[in-house]
Protein backbone atom coordinates (compact mmCIF):
# COMPACT_ATOMS: atom_id res chain seq x y z
CA UNK A 1 55.42 5.02 -14.76
CA UNK A 2 59.56 3.33 -13.28
CA UNK A 3 59.65 2.95 -9.66
CA UNK A 4 62.28 1.86 -7.17
CA UNK A 5 61.48 -0.39 -4.29
CA UNK A 6 63.67 0.56 -1.36
CA UNK A 7 63.43 -2.07 0.95
CA UNK A 8 61.46 -4.11 -1.94
CA UNK A 9 62.06 -6.92 0.61
CA UNK A 10 60.04 -6.58 3.49
CA UNK A 11 56.32 -6.25 4.57
CA UNK A 12 55.32 -3.20 2.42
CA UNK A 13 58.00 -3.50 0.13
CA UNK A 14 57.10 -6.60 -1.19
CA UNK A 15 53.50 -6.44 -1.50
CA UNK A 16 53.87 -3.02 -3.32
CA UNK A 17 57.29 -4.14 -5.77
CA UNK A 18 54.24 -6.57 -6.96
CA UNK A 19 51.22 -5.20 -6.90
CA UNK A 20 52.97 -2.02 -8.62
CA UNK A 21 53.81 -4.53 -10.87
CA UNK A 22 50.52 -6.11 -11.66
CA UNK A 23 49.88 -2.44 -12.06
CA UNK A 24 52.28 -2.54 -15.86
CA UNK A 25 54.39 -0.44 -14.03
CA UNK A 26 57.95 -1.09 -13.88
CA UNK A 27 59.44 -2.23 -11.01
CA UNK A 28 62.96 -2.17 -9.23
CA UNK A 29 63.80 -3.71 -5.99
CA UNK A 30 66.96 -2.28 -3.63
CA UNK A 31 67.53 -4.14 -0.59
CA UNK A 32 69.59 -5.62 1.75
CA UNK A 33 68.39 -8.86 3.40
CA UNK A 34 68.94 -7.12 6.76
CA UNK A 35 65.71 -7.27 7.50
CA UNK A 36 66.37 -11.92 7.38
CA UNK A 37 69.50 -10.77 9.12
CA UNK A 38 67.34 -9.21 12.65
CA UNK A 39 64.72 -12.37 13.19
CA UNK A 40 67.99 -14.66 13.22
CA UNK A 41 69.63 -11.85 15.85
CA UNK A 42 66.53 -11.56 18.05
CA UNK A 43 65.63 -15.60 17.35
CA UNK A 44 62.65 -14.95 16.40
CA UNK A 45 60.81 -16.22 13.33
CA UNK A 46 58.05 -15.14 10.84
CA UNK A 47 54.92 -16.81 11.08
CA UNK A 48 54.72 -18.15 7.71
CA UNK A 49 57.38 -19.43 6.03
CA UNK A 50 59.45 -17.07 3.28
CA UNK A 51 61.11 -17.54 0.39
CA UNK A 52 64.89 -15.55 -0.14
CA UNK A 53 63.90 -13.10 -2.81
CA UNK A 54 65.07 -14.68 -6.03
CA UNK A 55 62.61 -17.59 -5.54
CA UNK A 56 60.35 -15.19 -4.80
CA UNK A 57 61.37 -12.96 -8.15
CA UNK A 58 61.19 -16.39 -10.30
CA UNK A 59 58.01 -17.14 -9.61
CA UNK A 60 56.70 -14.13 -9.49
CA UNK A 61 58.07 -14.13 -13.06
CA UNK A 62 56.84 -17.81 -13.66
CA UNK A 63 53.74 -16.69 -12.95
CA UNK A 64 53.16 -13.35 -14.87
CA UNK A 65 55.64 -12.95 -17.45
CA UNK A 66 56.95 -9.23 -15.39
CA UNK A 67 59.83 -8.98 -14.38
CA UNK A 68 60.54 -7.06 -11.52
CA UNK A 69 64.64 -5.66 -11.30
CA UNK A 70 67.35 -6.67 -8.39
CA UNK A 71 69.82 -4.11 -6.62
CA UNK A 72 71.77 -5.81 -3.47
CA UNK A 73 73.36 -3.39 -1.34
CA UNK A 74 72.97 -0.35 0.79
CA UNK A 75 71.41 2.64 1.00
CA UNK A 76 73.78 4.02 3.85
CA UNK A 77 76.20 3.24 0.83
CA UNK A 78 76.63 6.53 -1.56
CA UNK A 79 77.93 4.78 -3.79
CA UNK A 80 75.47 1.76 -4.55
CA UNK A 81 72.26 4.20 -4.25
CA UNK A 82 73.34 6.45 -6.33
CA UNK A 83 74.33 3.55 -9.60
CA UNK A 84 71.58 2.06 -8.54
CA UNK A 85 69.19 5.61 -9.26
CA UNK A 86 71.11 5.83 -12.34
CA UNK A 87 70.74 2.56 -13.40
CA UNK A 88 66.70 2.11 -13.17
CA UNK A 89 66.60 5.83 -13.22
CA UNK A 90 63.17 6.29 -11.57
CA UNK A 91 60.27 8.22 -12.05
CA UNK A 92 59.53 7.78 -8.39
CA UNK A 93 61.21 6.00 -5.33
CA UNK A 94 58.99 4.79 -3.18
CA UNK A 95 61.23 4.63 0.59
CA UNK A 96 60.70 1.64 2.87
CA UNK A 97 63.78 0.54 3.82
CA UNK A 98 64.45 2.04 7.33
CA UNK A 99 64.46 -0.46 10.86
CA UNK A 100 61.16 -0.01 11.40
CA UNK A 101 60.07 -1.44 15.15
CA UNK A 102 60.02 1.09 18.37
CA UNK A 103 61.02 -1.90 20.58
CA UNK A 104 64.14 -2.93 18.19
CA UNK A 105 65.49 1.05 18.80
CA UNK A 106 64.77 0.65 22.23
CA UNK A 107 66.50 -2.47 23.94
CA UNK A 108 69.72 -0.16 24.69
CA UNK A 109 71.94 1.91 23.65
CA UNK A 110 73.60 0.25 20.53
CA UNK A 111 70.27 -0.94 19.01
CA UNK A 112 69.11 3.01 19.74
CA UNK A 113 72.02 4.92 17.80
CA UNK A 114 71.39 2.21 15.66
CA UNK A 115 68.58 2.65 14.46
CA UNK A 116 68.58 7.15 14.66
CA UNK A 117 71.95 6.73 12.09
CA UNK A 118 70.50 3.89 9.47
CA UNK A 119 67.19 5.83 9.09
CA UNK A 120 68.47 9.46 8.88
CA UNK A 121 71.66 8.60 6.65
CA UNK A 122 69.63 6.03 5.12
CA UNK A 123 67.19 9.05 3.65
CA UNK A 124 70.06 10.90 3.55
CA UNK A 125 71.77 10.14 0.60
CA UNK A 126 68.77 8.82 -1.06
CA UNK A 127 67.99 13.18 -1.14
CA UNK A 128 71.44 13.49 -2.00
CA UNK A 129 71.17 11.30 -4.72
CA UNK A 130 67.82 12.38 -6.32
CA UNK A 131 69.62 15.98 -5.95
CA UNK A 132 72.30 15.06 -8.36
CA UNK A 133 71.05 12.22 -10.56
CA UNK A 134 67.00 12.70 -11.27
CA UNK A 135 66.29 16.11 -9.35
CA UNK A 136 62.87 15.70 -10.90
CA UNK A 137 62.18 11.82 -9.31
CA UNK A 138 59.35 12.11 -7.09
CA UNK A 139 59.94 10.35 -3.76
CA UNK A 140 57.87 8.74 -1.52
CA UNK A 141 58.46 7.87 1.62
CA UNK A 142 57.10 5.82 4.01
CA UNK A 143 56.81 7.75 7.70
CA UNK A 144 54.12 7.30 11.05
CA UNK A 145 51.70 8.66 12.39
CA UNK A 146 53.93 8.09 15.34
CA UNK A 147 55.45 11.42 15.10
CA UNK A 148 52.95 13.61 15.80
CA UNK A 149 52.48 10.81 18.99
CA UNK A 150 48.60 11.64 21.49
CA UNK A 151 48.11 15.02 21.26
CA UNK A 152 45.36 16.49 23.30
CA UNK A 153 43.93 18.38 19.76
CA UNK A 154 43.03 17.07 16.48
CA UNK A 155 46.00 15.79 14.75
CA UNK A 156 46.22 17.38 10.92
CA UNK A 157 47.23 16.06 8.15
CA UNK A 158 51.69 17.39 8.44
CA UNK A 159 50.59 21.06 8.94
CA UNK A 160 48.80 22.88 11.07
CA UNK A 161 47.98 26.93 10.44
CA UNK A 162 48.55 28.56 14.05
CA UNK A 163 47.79 32.18 15.59
CA UNK A 164 50.03 33.70 17.72
CA UNK A 165 50.29 37.57 19.15
CA UNK A 166 47.98 38.66 16.32
CA UNK A 167 50.05 37.32 13.20
CA UNK A 168 49.72 32.93 11.77
CA UNK A 169 51.05 30.82 9.59
CA UNK A 170 51.19 27.53 8.82
CA UNK A 171 53.86 25.06 10.35
CA UNK A 172 54.68 21.77 10.58
CA UNK A 173 52.22 20.22 13.05
CA UNK A 174 54.11 19.53 16.12
CA UNK A 175 55.94 15.85 16.62
CA UNK A 176 55.58 14.43 20.19
CA UNK A 177 57.24 10.37 18.91
CA UNK A 178 57.03 8.09 21.81
CA UNK A 179 60.16 6.01 20.75
CA UNK A 180 63.91 6.64 19.16
CA UNK A 181 63.40 5.24 16.19
CA UNK A 182 59.79 7.62 16.00
CA UNK A 183 62.17 10.13 16.24
CA UNK A 184 64.31 9.08 12.91
CA UNK A 185 61.26 9.26 11.64
CA UNK A 186 60.56 12.73 13.01
CA UNK A 187 64.16 13.27 11.54
CA UNK A 188 63.67 12.41 8.39
CA UNK A 189 60.54 14.29 7.79
CA UNK A 190 62.34 17.12 8.63
CA UNK A 191 65.42 15.83 6.35
CA UNK A 192 62.79 15.57 3.66
CA UNK A 193 60.96 19.52 4.04
CA UNK A 194 64.22 20.88 4.18
CA UNK A 195 65.52 19.42 1.17
CA UNK A 196 62.64 20.26 -0.45
CA UNK A 197 62.65 23.77 0.19
CA UNK A 198 66.09 24.71 -1.05
CA UNK A 199 65.94 22.39 -3.94
CA UNK A 200 63.22 22.28 -5.08
CA UNK A 201 62.67 18.35 -5.05
CA UNK A 202 58.70 16.60 -4.56
CA UNK A 203 58.18 14.87 -2.26
CA UNK A 204 54.97 12.75 0.03
CA UNK A 205 55.72 11.45 3.28
CA UNK A 206 53.19 9.53 4.09
CA UNK A 207 52.62 8.72 7.82
CA UNK A 208 51.20 5.42 7.68
CA UNK A 209 49.21 4.04 10.86
CA UNK A 210 49.75 0.04 11.33
CA UNK A 211 49.11 -2.03 8.81
CA UNK A 212 47.51 -4.80 8.89
CA UNK A 213 46.58 -8.56 6.58
CA UNK A 214 49.09 -11.01 4.87
CA UNK A 215 46.93 -11.76 1.80
CA UNK A 216 46.68 -9.50 -1.20
CA UNK A 217 45.89 -10.76 -4.97
CA UNK A 218 49.44 -10.59 -5.94
CA UNK A 219 50.59 -12.59 -2.75
CA UNK A 220 47.17 -15.72 -2.87
CA UNK A 221 48.92 -16.41 -6.28
CA UNK A 222 50.98 -19.10 -5.66
CA UNK A 223 52.99 -20.05 -1.66
CA UNK A 224 56.08 -18.90 -2.88
CA UNK A 225 55.22 -15.45 -2.29
CA UNK A 226 53.53 -15.27 1.00
CA UNK A 227 54.51 -12.36 2.92
CA UNK A 228 55.19 -11.98 6.31
CA UNK A 229 53.36 -12.00 9.74
CA UNK A 230 55.65 -11.08 12.28
CA UNK A 231 54.07 -11.29 16.18
CA UNK A 232 57.26 -11.58 17.80
CA UNK A 233 57.41 -8.48 20.55
CA UNK A 234 59.73 -6.96 19.05
CA UNK A 235 58.60 -6.80 15.50
CA UNK A 236 55.21 -7.57 16.16
CA UNK A 237 52.37 -5.81 15.51
CA UNK A 238 49.42 -6.21 18.15
CA UNK A 239 46.67 -6.61 15.77
CA UNK A 240 49.14 -9.67 14.31
CA UNK A 241 50.10 -10.31 18.56
CA UNK A 242 46.46 -10.99 19.40
CA UNK A 243 45.33 -13.01 15.98
CA UNK A 244 48.32 -15.92 16.88
CA UNK A 245 47.33 -15.82 20.92
CA UNK A 246 44.00 -16.30 20.06
CA UNK A 247 44.72 -18.75 17.17
CA UNK A 248 46.94 -20.64 20.66
CA UNK A 249 44.59 -20.40 22.99
CA UNK A 250 46.50 -18.28 25.21
CA UNK A 251 44.97 -15.03 26.68
CA UNK A 252 45.65 -11.82 24.85
CA UNK A 253 47.69 -9.41 26.43
CA UNK A 254 47.05 -6.24 26.26
CA UNK A 255 49.69 -3.62 27.98
CA UNK A 256 48.11 -1.35 30.89
CA UNK A 257 44.23 -0.72 30.19
CA UNK A 258 44.41 -0.46 26.97
CA UNK A 259 42.85 2.11 26.24
CA UNK A 260 45.43 3.13 23.98
CA UNK A 261 44.30 4.86 20.40
CA UNK A 262 46.08 4.23 16.65
CA UNK A 263 44.85 4.38 13.25
CA UNK A 264 44.40 1.17 11.45
CA UNK A 265 44.84 -0.08 7.88
CA UNK A 266 44.70 -3.77 4.87
CA UNK A 267 47.71 -3.65 3.57
CA UNK A 268 46.10 -3.48 0.23
CA UNK A 269 45.43 -0.07 0.92
CA UNK A 270 48.71 0.61 1.69
CA UNK A 271 49.80 -1.02 -1.66
CA UNK A 272 47.08 1.75 -3.45
CA UNK A 273 48.13 4.33 -1.42
CA UNK A 274 51.84 4.16 -2.47
CA UNK A 275 50.07 3.90 -6.31
CA UNK A 276 48.06 6.87 -5.78
CA UNK A 277 51.05 8.70 -4.94
CA UNK A 278 52.80 7.52 -7.20
CA UNK A 279 50.04 8.81 -9.57
CA UNK A 280 49.79 12.16 -8.26
CA UNK A 281 52.81 13.56 -7.77
CA UNK A 282 54.11 16.21 -5.41
CA UNK A 283 55.69 19.48 -7.24
CA UNK A 284 58.43 20.95 -8.03
CA UNK A 285 60.17 22.25 -3.99
CA UNK A 286 56.70 20.91 -2.16
CA UNK A 287 57.09 19.00 0.99
CA UNK A 288 52.80 16.52 1.09
CA UNK A 289 51.67 15.20 3.43
CA UNK A 290 49.70 11.94 4.69
CA UNK A 291 47.82 10.84 7.27
CA UNK A 292 47.41 7.30 5.84
CA UNK A 293 45.08 4.55 7.80
CA UNK A 294 41.94 4.33 7.69
CA UNK A 295 40.45 2.64 10.95
CA UNK A 296 40.85 3.84 14.26
CA UNK A 297 41.19 1.61 17.26
CA UNK A 298 42.18 1.34 20.88
CA UNK A 299 43.80 -1.92 22.28
CA UNK A 300 41.37 -3.36 23.94
CA UNK A 301 38.83 -2.78 21.55
CA UNK A 302 40.81 -5.06 19.29
CA UNK A 303 41.49 -7.36 21.93
CA UNK A 304 37.86 -7.45 21.91
CA UNK A 305 37.45 -8.10 18.01
CA UNK A 306 39.84 -10.80 18.04
CA UNK A 307 37.99 -12.84 21.28
CA UNK A 308 34.84 -12.32 18.83
CA UNK A 309 36.39 -14.09 15.54
CA UNK A 310 37.77 -16.63 16.71
CA UNK A 311 34.62 -17.40 19.13
CA UNK A 312 33.66 -17.72 15.66
CA UNK A 313 35.37 -20.27 15.11
CA UNK A 314 34.91 -22.25 18.11
CA UNK A 315 38.44 -20.63 19.71
CA UNK A 316 37.64 -19.68 23.12
CA UNK A 317 39.96 -16.58 24.80
CA UNK A 318 40.10 -14.44 27.87
CA UNK A 319 41.71 -11.42 27.67
CA UNK A 320 44.57 -10.03 30.64
CA UNK A 321 46.23 -6.76 31.36
CA UNK A 322 49.48 -6.33 31.27
CA UNK A 323 51.62 -3.36 33.32
CA UNK A 324 52.39 -1.90 29.87
CA UNK A 325 56.66 -1.60 29.45
CA UNK A 326 55.95 1.44 27.55
CA UNK A 327 55.93 5.61 28.56
CA UNK A 328 52.54 7.26 27.39
CA UNK A 329 48.87 7.13 28.21
CA UNK A 330 46.90 4.10 29.12
CA UNK A 331 43.80 6.64 27.56
CA UNK A 332 43.76 9.24 25.27
CA UNK A 333 42.03 11.81 23.45
CA UNK A 334 43.02 10.83 19.20
CA UNK A 335 41.66 12.26 16.37
CA UNK A 336 42.91 12.23 13.14
CA UNK A 337 42.24 13.03 10.15
CA UNK A 338 42.79 11.83 6.87
CA UNK A 339 41.27 12.68 3.78
CA UNK A 340 43.27 13.23 1.01
CA UNK A 341 44.08 9.89 -0.20
CA UNK A 342 40.57 9.01 0.05
CA UNK A 343 39.92 12.26 -1.91
CA UNK A 344 42.62 10.55 -4.84
CA UNK A 345 39.98 7.61 -5.01
CA UNK A 346 41.86 5.36 -2.29
CA UNK A 347 38.38 2.44 -1.42
CA UNK A 348 39.10 1.54 1.87
CA UNK A 349 39.12 -2.23 3.68
CA UNK A 350 37.73 -2.29 7.12
CA UNK A 351 38.86 -4.05 9.43
CA UNK A 352 35.80 -5.78 10.34
CA UNK A 353 35.58 -7.82 6.51
CA UNK A 354 38.72 -8.87 6.77
CA UNK A 355 39.27 -9.78 10.22
CA UNK A 356 38.92 -13.68 9.89
CA UNK A 357 40.19 -14.18 6.33
CA UNK A 358 43.09 -11.56 6.24
CA UNK A 359 44.87 -12.29 9.49
CA UNK A 360 42.34 -15.72 11.66
CA UNK A 361 42.77 -18.20 9.87
CA UNK A 362 46.65 -16.98 8.38
CA UNK A 363 47.51 -17.61 12.17
CA UNK A 364 45.30 -21.25 12.33
CA UNK A 365 46.93 -22.08 9.18
CA UNK A 366 50.23 -21.85 10.48
CA UNK A 367 49.34 -22.27 14.07
CA UNK A 368 52.35 -24.91 13.91
CA UNK A 369 54.73 -22.68 13.74
CA UNK A 370 53.47 -20.51 16.56
CA UNK A 371 56.33 -20.25 19.30
CA UNK A 372 54.35 -18.89 22.39
CA UNK A 373 57.63 -17.70 24.56
CA UNK A 374 57.34 -14.49 22.14
CA UNK A 375 54.35 -13.38 22.93
CA UNK A 376 55.01 -11.09 25.96
CA UNK A 377 57.40 -8.14 26.26
CA UNK A 378 60.97 -7.95 27.17
CA UNK A 379 61.83 -4.56 25.87
CA UNK A 380 60.89 -1.30 28.76
CA UNK A 381 60.68 1.81 28.06
CA UNK A 382 62.51 3.17 31.25
CA UNK A 383 65.61 0.66 31.33
CA UNK A 384 68.62 1.53 29.33
CA UNK A 385 70.00 -1.75 29.07
CA UNK A 386 67.61 -4.69 28.51
CA UNK A 387 68.19 -8.22 28.19
CA UNK A 388 66.06 -10.41 26.48
CA UNK A 389 65.59 -14.30 27.53
CA UNK A 390 67.02 -14.46 23.56
CA UNK A 391 70.21 -13.86 22.85
CA UNK A 392 70.23 -10.56 21.93
CA UNK A 393 73.38 -9.87 19.21
CA UNK A 394 75.06 -5.83 19.12
CA UNK A 395 72.80 -4.06 16.62
CA UNK A 396 75.06 -4.63 12.92
CA UNK A 397 76.27 -2.39 11.03
CA UNK A 398 74.05 0.68 10.01
CA UNK A 399 72.62 -0.94 7.03
CA UNK A 400 68.60 -0.42 6.00
CA UNK A 401 66.52 -3.34 5.80
CA UNK A 402 63.08 -4.21 4.29
CA UNK A 403 60.52 -3.28 6.13
């Protein structure tokens, strides 16, 4: 297939582009490198040293003989995006090109507005581009499990059948997002559903859980291909933060009681899910939703797993409980369905099998790059004028980055 990966320089996008290329698909990356700029804005850096994209693509072609096309530009620029799609003529578009951090969206008004404009406008431009230029193209859109929130009932895959006053219907599952970022993803989902309804587009909305892991078969081929490992308080994930804290012999910082439960999956499963969605496209007019995760853990369970893994490596760490900076239930019911990708053939990797190899060992390998000042949360949900200890520039113009 011809598959265009928007945001292909970012964490999920880079691993996906390489995986699809290695599997024999013709791949193009669209990116404007804003994800890299956010590191400079926040005064942080990924734990792993990331090479410029041009160097990454050159090394990939030298190692595999497979070329990946590159279109450099901004998906909120309709003229650029439409010209890229017209030039590449994709069978599927994988859309990662959004601002994907909840804390970033909660820094202040400028960052909240930027996130909403950036994400919603970029997706709308993509929908119009597909409709005008490639109406049979399949949109594979990265959503988030965070759209659902933490309801006190089971979470279905996108839709739920309800009965009301003696009548029944299937409707989109109620959304209870927890940040301005998650709200932007809800708006995306609604816009995609509407476009499929009126224009008969085909789309798969992948509500993804928290992704972990740095190593895939493809990124392991050469140091120049290594993926991101974000652990800071704005873009870092909780599991990454715990592993880096353990490598630095720093207490693991659990927010509140640690009962916050989410879905998780290995980056190797992310890339496989993307291909499965591309190879099994939605029907014209269909906007289907897959919940893309393989296991559920609470924050405290993750901390205890990392604590045990560090102990096997001879590192003793304790668990500290901090006041949560977010507005969230610290303990709650959480049971999300996630069978549709398994039905398509996904064979999951599990955290218990990859915690040391794909996380702890990477954290220890690059421990000289650890900045312990990035561990503690500085963005508080109830403060609309957060001032970070690091210098934070005003939000950039509305241009999507690489994650």
